[in-house]
Amino acid sequence: MMKILVWLFRILLFVALFGLAIKNDRVVELRFYFDNAWQVPLSLVVLLAFAAGAAVGLTGALTTLARQWRELGQMRARLKQDGKDGA
């Protein structure tokens, strides 16, 4: 039953986001430095901003996880060394 509810939620979310993308299909102009400009659909701008935010968030999470894994490895090595010394 839970799997059906999850898939129903996914389908509804997809339909809602797809409808949002269709409603926001107008072309917007992104202006950069040195008189550079791109003309892209608004839905693409929103998608790229979301993807960039997700990438930054994942990078932050992965750096924290890498630090924790390194500390855990050091603690395990210390415990293994203490176990050999104490025996």
Protein backbone atom coordinates (compact mmCIF):
# COMPACT_ATOMS: atom_id res chain seq x y z
CA MET A 1 0.00 0.00 0.00
CA MET A 2 2.84 2.37 0.87
CA LYS A 3 4.53 1.75 -2.50
CA ILE A 4 1.34 2.74 -4.28
CA LEU A 5 1.10 5.96 -2.28
CA VAL A 6 4.75 6.80 -3.01
CA TRP A 7 4.26 6.23 -6.75
CA LEU A 8 1.05 8.27 -6.70
CA PHE A 9 2.92 11.11 -4.99
CA ARG A 10 5.72 10.90 -7.57
CA ILE A 11 3.24 11.01 -10.45
CA LEU A 12 1.39 13.98 -8.96
CA LEU A 13 4.67 15.80 -8.34
CA PHE A 14 5.80 15.15 -11.92
CA VAL A 15 2.50 16.39 -13.36
CA ALA A 16 2.62 19.52 -11.18
CA LEU A 17 6.21 20.33 -12.14
CA PHE A 18 5.58 19.54 -15.80
CA GLY A 19 2.59 21.88 -15.77
CA LEU A 20 4.71 24.56 -14.11
CA ALA A 21 7.35 24.17 -16.82
CA ILE A 22 4.74 24.45 -19.56
CA LYS A 23 3.21 27.57 -18.00
CA ASN A 24 6.64 29.22 -17.74
CA ASP A 25 7.88 28.59 -21.26
CA ARG A 26 8.54 32.23 -22.07
CA VAL A 27 12.02 33.23 -23.05
CA VAL A 28 13.94 35.32 -20.56
CA GLU A 29 17.21 37.11 -21.05
CA LEU A 30 20.05 36.37 -18.69
CA ARG A 31 22.54 39.21 -18.71
CA PHE A 32 26.15 38.58 -17.78
CA TYR A 33 29.21 40.75 -17.55
CA PHE A 34 30.87 42.27 -20.63
CA ASP A 35 27.51 42.61 -22.44
CA ASN A 36 26.99 38.87 -22.74
CA ALA A 37 23.39 37.67 -22.71
CA TRP A 38 21.55 34.39 -23.17
CA GLN A 39 17.94 33.96 -24.11
CA VAL A 40 16.58 30.79 -22.53
CA PRO A 41 13.18 29.52 -21.33
CA LEU A 42 12.31 30.45 -17.75
CA SER A 43 11.71 26.80 -16.82
CA LEU A 44 15.28 25.99 -17.84
CA VAL A 45 16.61 28.80 -15.67
CA VAL A 46 14.65 27.46 -12.68
CA LEU A 47 15.85 23.91 -13.38
CA LEU A 48 19.48 25.03 -13.62
CA ALA A 49 19.20 27.05 -10.40
CA PHE A 50 17.74 24.00 -8.62
CA ALA A 51 20.48 21.73 -9.98
CA ALA A 52 23.19 24.18 -8.93
CA GLY A 53 21.74 24.40 -5.41
CA ALA A 54 21.51 20.62 -5.16
CA ALA A 55 25.12 20.27 -6.32
CA VAL A 56 26.33 22.78 -3.73
CA GLY A 57 24.35 21.01 -1.00
CA LEU A 58 25.68 17.58 -1.97
CA THR A 59 29.23 18.90 -2.08
CA GLY A 60 28.85 20.25 1.43
CA ALA A 61 27.40 16.97 2.65
CA LEU A 62 30.10 14.89 0.99
CA THR A 63 32.90 16.94 2.50
CA THR A 64 31.38 16.44 5.95
CA LEU A 65 30.99 12.71 5.34
CA ALA A 66 34.57 12.40 4.08
CA ARG A 67 35.87 14.11 7.22
CA GLN A 68 33.79 11.80 9.43
CA TRP A 69 34.98 8.70 7.54
CA ARG A 70 38.59 9.82 7.98
CA GLU A 71 38.09 10.39 11.72
CA LEU A 72 36.36 7.02 12.06
CA GLY A 73 39.27 5.29 10.32
CA GLN A 74 41.73 7.00 12.66
CA MET A 75 39.69 5.94 15.70
CA ARG A 76 39.50 2.34 14.49
CA ALA A 77 43.25 2.28 13.92
CA ARG A 78 43.80 3.68 17.41
CA LEU A 79 41.50 1.06 18.94
CA LYS A 80 43.24 -1.72 17.03
CA GLN A 81 46.63 -0.45 18.20
CA ASP A 82 45.43 -0.16 21.83
CA GLY A 83 44.11 -3.71 21.64
CA LYS A 84 47.52 -5.04 20.57
CA ASP A 85 49.34 -3.09 23.29
CA GLY A 86 46.99 -4.23 26.05
CA ALA A 87 47.09 -7.95 25.18
